[in-house]
Amino acid sequence: MISLLAIFTATSCATRKDLIYFQDEPIEEGQLTSEPTELIYKPDDILTINVSALDPDTVRPFNLPVVSNNTSDLRSAQGTLQQQSYLVDHNGNIEFPVLGTLKVEGLTRTDLTAMLVDKIKVMATDPIVNVRLVNFTVTVLGEVSNPGTFTMQDERVTLLEALGYANDLTIFGKRTNVKLIREIDGVKKFAFIDLTSINTVNSHLYYLQQNDIIYVEPNNAKVRSSTYNQNNSVLISAIGTLTTILAVFLIK
């Protein structure tokens, strides 16, 4: 019986080390400090850029052609028109009509819009430039109801909105130590966020950057329950049976 008790105890023990991601503390250089809240363009971003003006003919060369997702007939009622996009390459550049290679990595929408207006207004009067990121992606992992990678049709996404896409934390999510992982200039950086504090909404981390990773750590209750051995019920039953047999013999 002592042996069975020992086995039961061993199979019931749970350790945080068995479950939690990213357990070691990041080096100081990897910790996120103050960052701008406006989105910054990075390699692999996909942008649409539309240039307009009072005289459309003067800015037509600066726009990529519009295509239909129905290749059989551009005029088909089932087809929808879509502007072609620009992929930011691994060097942080895009190839723009007339202007050629442009460095956009590290720029915000405001920066890129101003740069394009300055370059285009030399050749067209009063150009209007509209820039949009179309592949804003965030990954939410850990103790949330619907973990996964989400692409959002917006450039201003908050931490709470991303958790909303994942259908909120489960009851086992540790709300005081949510981890944010972000790549800046090729370096992965980390920060910890306390969702129980109202000050979170005023944090520089509240607005996300594309490709951010959010990890919700399990709390102690989940850690303890997750390593519960399914054979424990059998062991408990066996221990109970042995205890009854021993009691019968002792009474005799």
Protein backbone atom coordinates (compact mmCIF):
# COMPACT_ATOMS: atom_id res chain seq x y z
CA MET A 1 0.00 0.00 0.00
CA ILE A 2 2.88 2.32 0.74
CA SER A 3 4.22 1.72 -2.77
CA LEU A 4 0.86 2.57 -4.29
CA LEU A 5 0.67 5.74 -2.25
CA ALA A 6 4.13 6.72 -3.45
CA ILE A 7 3.11 6.16 -7.08
CA PHE A 8 -0.06 8.16 -6.57
CA THR A 9 1.89 11.05 -5.06
CA ALA A 10 4.47 11.02 -7.84
CA THR A 11 1.90 11.01 -10.62
CA SER A 12 -0.06 13.83 -9.02
CA CYS A 13 2.81 16.29 -8.73
CA ALA A 14 2.73 19.23 -11.15
CA THR A 15 5.48 21.69 -11.95
CA ARG A 16 5.28 24.98 -13.82
CA LYS A 17 8.37 23.97 -15.76
CA ASP A 18 6.39 21.24 -17.52
CA LEU A 19 3.82 23.63 -19.00
CA ILE A 20 4.83 27.27 -19.29
CA TYR A 21 6.41 28.76 -22.43
CA PHE A 22 9.32 31.24 -22.32
CA GLN A 23 10.20 30.56 -18.68
CA ASP A 24 13.63 32.13 -18.49
CA GLU A 25 13.85 35.87 -18.04
CA PRO A 26 14.86 37.83 -21.18
CA ILE A 27 18.20 39.62 -21.17
CA GLU A 28 17.98 43.32 -20.48
CA GLU A 29 18.58 44.21 -24.14
CA GLY A 30 15.55 42.11 -25.06
CA GLN A 31 13.08 43.97 -22.86
CA LEU A 32 10.59 46.31 -24.49
CA THR A 33 10.82 49.91 -23.37
CA SER A 34 8.92 52.90 -24.71
CA GLU A 35 7.80 52.37 -28.29
CA PRO A 36 5.73 54.59 -30.62
CA THR A 37 2.05 53.74 -30.70
CA GLU A 38 1.77 54.38 -34.45
CA LEU A 39 2.32 51.35 -36.63
CA ILE A 40 5.79 50.98 -38.16
CA TYR A 41 6.27 49.24 -41.50
CA LYS A 42 8.45 46.12 -41.60
CA PRO A 43 9.64 43.52 -44.13
CA ASP A 44 6.85 41.20 -45.35
CA ASP A 45 4.20 43.86 -44.84
CA ILE A 46 1.73 44.17 -47.70
CA LEU A 47 0.64 47.72 -48.52
CA THR A 48 -1.90 49.27 -50.82
CA ILE A 49 -1.02 52.77 -51.96
CA ASN A 50 -3.48 54.91 -53.87
CA VAL A 51 -2.56 58.27 -55.38
CA SER A 52 -5.32 60.66 -56.43
CA ALA A 53 -5.55 64.28 -57.58
CA LEU A 54 -8.00 66.77 -59.05
CA ASP A 55 -6.72 65.76 -62.47
CA PRO A 56 -6.66 61.92 -62.37
CA ASP A 57 -4.56 61.64 -65.53
CA THR A 58 -1.57 63.31 -63.85
CA VAL A 59 -1.33 60.64 -61.13
CA ARG A 60 -2.40 57.58 -63.10
CA PRO A 61 1.23 56.49 -63.68
CA PHE A 62 1.74 56.30 -59.89
CA ASN A 63 -1.01 53.73 -59.36
CA LEU A 64 -0.80 50.00 -59.93
CA PRO A 65 -3.51 48.64 -62.22
CA VAL A 66 -6.76 47.44 -60.69
CA VAL A 67 -7.49 43.74 -61.24
CA SER A 68 -10.51 41.51 -60.81
CA ASN A 69 -10.60 38.38 -58.70
CA ASN A 70 -12.66 36.82 -61.49
CA THR A 71 -10.15 36.15 -64.26
CA SER A 72 -12.79 35.02 -66.76
CA ASP A 73 -14.51 38.35 -67.16
CA LEU A 74 -13.52 41.69 -65.63
CA ARG A 75 -17.09 42.91 -66.13
CA SER A 76 -18.70 39.87 -64.52
CA ALA A 77 -21.22 40.64 -61.81
CA GLN A 78 -19.49 38.03 -59.68
CA GLY A 79 -16.11 39.67 -59.99
CA THR A 80 -14.83 42.32 -57.58
CA LEU A 81 -12.19 44.88 -58.40
CA GLN A 82 -9.09 44.97 -56.23
CA GLN A 83 -6.09 47.23 -56.22
CA GLN A 84 -2.74 45.49 -56.48
CA SER A 85 -0.45 45.71 -53.48
CA TYR A 86 3.20 46.25 -52.61
CA LEU A 87 5.23 43.70 -50.67
CA VAL A 88 7.93 45.15 -48.44
CA ASP A 89 10.97 43.00 -49.27
CA HIS A 90 13.61 41.68 -46.83
CA ASN A 91 15.62 44.87 -47.37
CA GLY A 92 12.63 46.99 -46.33
CA ASN A 93 11.98 48.32 -49.85
CA ILE A 94 9.08 48.49 -52.28
CA GLU A 95 9.18 49.05 -56.04
CA PHE A 96 6.96 52.03 -56.77
CA PRO A 97 5.83 53.12 -60.24
CA VAL A 98 7.88 55.99 -61.71
CA LEU A 99 9.74 56.59 -58.40
CA GLY A 100 11.50 53.21 -58.37
CA THR A 101 12.91 51.62 -55.20
CA LEU A 102 11.71 53.24 -51.98
CA LYS A 103 12.85 52.41 -48.45
CA VAL A 104 9.76 52.08 -46.27
CA GLU A 105 10.98 49.94 -43.38
CA GLY A 106 10.86 51.86 -40.13
CA LEU A 107 8.41 54.45 -41.47
CA THR A 108 4.96 55.11 -40.11
CA ARG A 109 1.97 55.76 -42.33
CA THR A 110 2.43 59.48 -41.70
CA ASP A 111 6.12 59.28 -42.69
CA LEU A 112 5.50 57.29 -45.87
CA THR A 113 2.56 59.45 -46.94
CA ALA A 114 4.61 62.63 -46.51
CA MET A 115 7.55 61.14 -48.44
CA LEU A 116 5.37 60.10 -51.36
CA VAL A 117 3.56 63.45 -51.51
CA ASP A 118 6.91 65.28 -51.60
CA LYS A 119 8.18 63.14 -54.47
CA ILE A 120 4.98 63.07 -56.50
CA LYS A 121 4.08 66.76 -56.22
CA VAL A 122 7.09 67.57 -58.39
CA MET A 123 5.23 65.85 -61.27
CA ALA A 124 1.57 66.28 -60.29
CA THR A 125 -0.41 69.07 -58.68
CA ASP A 126 -1.74 68.56 -55.15
CA PRO A 127 -1.48 64.78 -54.99
CA ILE A 128 -3.36 62.88 -52.27
CA VAL A 129 -1.75 59.65 -51.04
CA ASN A 130 -3.63 56.96 -49.12
CA VAL A 131 -1.50 54.15 -47.60
CA ARG A 132 -2.94 51.06 -45.93
CA LEU A 133 -1.45 47.90 -44.43
CA VAL A 134 -3.59 44.90 -45.42
CA ASN A 135 -1.92 42.04 -43.52
CA PHE A 136 -1.87 43.12 -39.88
CA THR A 137 -1.33 39.80 -38.08
CA VAL A 138 -1.23 38.96 -34.37
CA THR A 139 -0.71 35.56 -32.71
CA VAL A 140 -2.40 34.79 -29.37
CA LEU A 141 -1.27 31.68 -27.49
CA GLY A 142 -1.76 30.05 -24.10
CA GLU A 143 -4.78 30.19 -21.83
CA VAL A 144 -7.29 31.76 -24.21
CA SER A 145 -10.51 30.24 -25.51
CA ASN A 146 -9.49 30.32 -29.18
CA PRO A 147 -5.69 30.52 -29.64
CA GLY A 148 -4.39 31.19 -33.12
CA THR A 149 -3.01 33.68 -35.62
CA PHE A 150 -5.41 36.43 -36.65
CA THR A 151 -5.25 38.79 -39.64
CA MET A 152 -7.15 42.01 -38.99
CA GLN A 153 -8.52 44.62 -41.35
CA ASP A 154 -7.20 47.49 -39.29
CA GLU A 155 -3.91 49.19 -38.51
CA ARG A 156 -4.74 50.31 -34.99
CA VAL A 157 -5.23 47.13 -32.99
CA THR A 158 -5.17 47.07 -29.20
CA LEU A 159 -4.12 44.32 -26.83
CA LEU A 160 -7.73 43.87 -25.69
CA GLU A 161 -8.97 43.62 -29.27
CA ALA A 162 -6.45 40.86 -29.99
CA LEU A 163 -7.58 38.97 -26.89
CA GLY A 164 -11.14 39.48 -28.08
CA TYR A 165 -10.30 37.76 -31.37
CA ALA A 166 -9.11 34.83 -29.22
CA ASN A 167 -12.45 34.89 -27.33
CA ASP A 168 -10.86 36.17 -24.10
CA LEU A 169 -8.77 34.40 -21.47
CA THR A 170 -9.96 31.17 -19.93
CA ILE A 171 -10.58 31.04 -16.20
CA PHE A 172 -7.13 29.48 -15.89
CA GLY A 173 -5.29 32.38 -17.58
CA LYS A 174 -2.85 34.32 -15.42
CA ARG A 175 -4.04 37.89 -15.86
CA THR A 176 -1.19 39.59 -14.04
CA ASN A 177 1.63 38.34 -16.25
CA VAL A 178 0.64 38.36 -19.94
CA LYS A 179 3.73 38.26 -22.13
CA LEU A 180 4.14 40.34 -25.29
CA ILE A 181 6.84 39.37 -27.81
CA ARG A 182 7.76 41.83 -30.55
CA GLU A 183 10.52 41.93 -33.16
CA ILE A 184 12.34 45.24 -33.53
CA ASP A 185 15.19 45.57 -36.02
CA GLY A 186 15.55 41.80 -36.16
CA VAL A 187 15.70 41.40 -32.36
CA LYS A 188 12.95 39.67 -30.36
CA LYS A 189 11.93 41.78 -27.37
CA PHE A 190 9.66 41.00 -24.43
CA ALA A 191 7.35 42.79 -22.03
CA PHE A 192 4.96 41.72 -19.27
CA ILE A 193 1.48 43.20 -18.96
CA ASP A 194 -0.87 43.20 -15.97
CA LEU A 195 -4.43 43.00 -17.27
CA THR A 196 -5.82 43.61 -13.78
CA SER A 197 -4.46 47.17 -13.83
CA ILE A 198 -6.47 49.97 -15.45
CA ASN A 199 -3.15 51.61 -16.30
CA THR A 200 -2.68 49.00 -19.01
CA VAL A 201 -4.85 51.04 -21.40
CA ASN A 202 -2.42 53.95 -21.03
CA SER A 203 0.67 51.82 -21.61
CA HIS A 204 2.82 52.22 -24.73
CA LEU A 205 2.24 48.48 -25.20
CA TYR A 206 -1.54 48.80 -25.42
CA TYR A 207 -1.45 49.35 -29.19
CA LEU A 208 0.07 46.37 -30.98
CA GLN A 209 2.46 46.14 -33.89
CA GLN A 210 2.00 43.67 -36.74
CA ASN A 211 3.31 40.15 -36.02
CA ASP A 212 3.21 40.66 -32.25
CA ILE A 213 2.85 37.48 -30.17
CA ILE A 214 0.74 37.45 -27.00
CA TYR A 215 1.19 34.58 -24.56
CA VAL A 216 -1.17 34.05 -21.61
CA GLU A 217 0.46 31.96 -18.92
CA PRO A 218 -1.59 29.30 -17.07
CA ASN A 219 -2.24 29.95 -13.40
CA ASN A 220 -1.30 27.58 -10.58
CA ALA A 221 -4.70 25.87 -10.61
CA LYS A 222 -4.25 24.89 -14.27
CA VAL A 223 -0.69 23.71 -13.64
CA ARG A 224 -1.85 21.45 -10.82
CA SER A 225 -4.78 20.02 -12.74
CA SER A 226 -2.98 19.54 -16.05
CA THR A 227 -0.69 16.76 -14.82
CA TYR A 228 -3.46 14.80 -13.14
CA ASN A 229 -2.87 11.20 -14.16
CA GLN A 230 -5.92 9.44 -15.57
CA ASN A 231 -4.75 6.28 -13.81
CA ASN A 232 -5.09 7.98 -10.44
CA SER A 233 -8.72 6.87 -10.12
CA VAL A 234 -7.61 3.27 -10.60
CA LEU A 235 -4.88 3.71 -8.01
CA ILE A 236 -7.30 5.26 -5.54
CA SER A 237 -9.72 2.38 -6.06
CA ALA A 238 -6.91 -0.16 -5.58
CA ILE A 239 -5.74 1.57 -2.41
CA GLY A 240 -9.30 1.57 -1.08
CA THR A 241 -9.69 -2.15 -1.80
CA LEU A 242 -6.38 -3.00 -0.13
CA THR A 243 -7.29 -0.87 2.87
CA THR A 244 -10.57 -2.76 3.25
CA ILE A 245 -8.82 -6.14 2.98
CA LEU A 246 -6.23 -5.13 5.56
CA ALA A 247 -8.93 -3.87 7.89
CA VAL A 248 -10.75 -7.20 7.65
CA PHE A 249 -7.58 -9.13 8.49
CA LEU A 250 -6.75 -6.81 11.38
CA ILE A 251 -10.24 -7.23 12.84
CA LYS A 252 -9.83 -11.01 12.70
